[in-house]
Amino acid sequence: MAFADHEPINFGHILICPTYPYQSYIELPEHIFAEIHSVARNLYSRIEKVFEPDGISFIQNNGKFNALSHYHLHIFPRFSGDQFAWQSSGLGVQSIEKLRNALARL
């Protein structure tokens, strides 16, 4: 199902979620994952046509960062100057070597 976010980043902010309350991204069965992304592709095109944004963002949170306690995907139009921002932890730009070491166990 897809519905408007009650506290939108911008008008056109939509939540997509399965009818079963899967807890996280990793719990989604492949067929549900595929259906969600099919809906997202359709909404992407419709958001572009209706709102004519400068870009479109997707966000999906898990664990304690998921306020709804079930999987959902945000899709919303972005506009220059909309003030939505990614806030960094302050690590700053890292060397390839540091990044490689940090991700080596993946």
Foldseek 3Di string as FASTA:
>chain_A
DKDADPDDLDPLKMKDDDPDFAQAPVPDDPVVVVVSVVVVVVSVVVCCVPVVAPAKDKDWDHDPVDPVRGTMIIIDGHHVPSPDDDDDPPPPDDDPVVVCVVPVVD
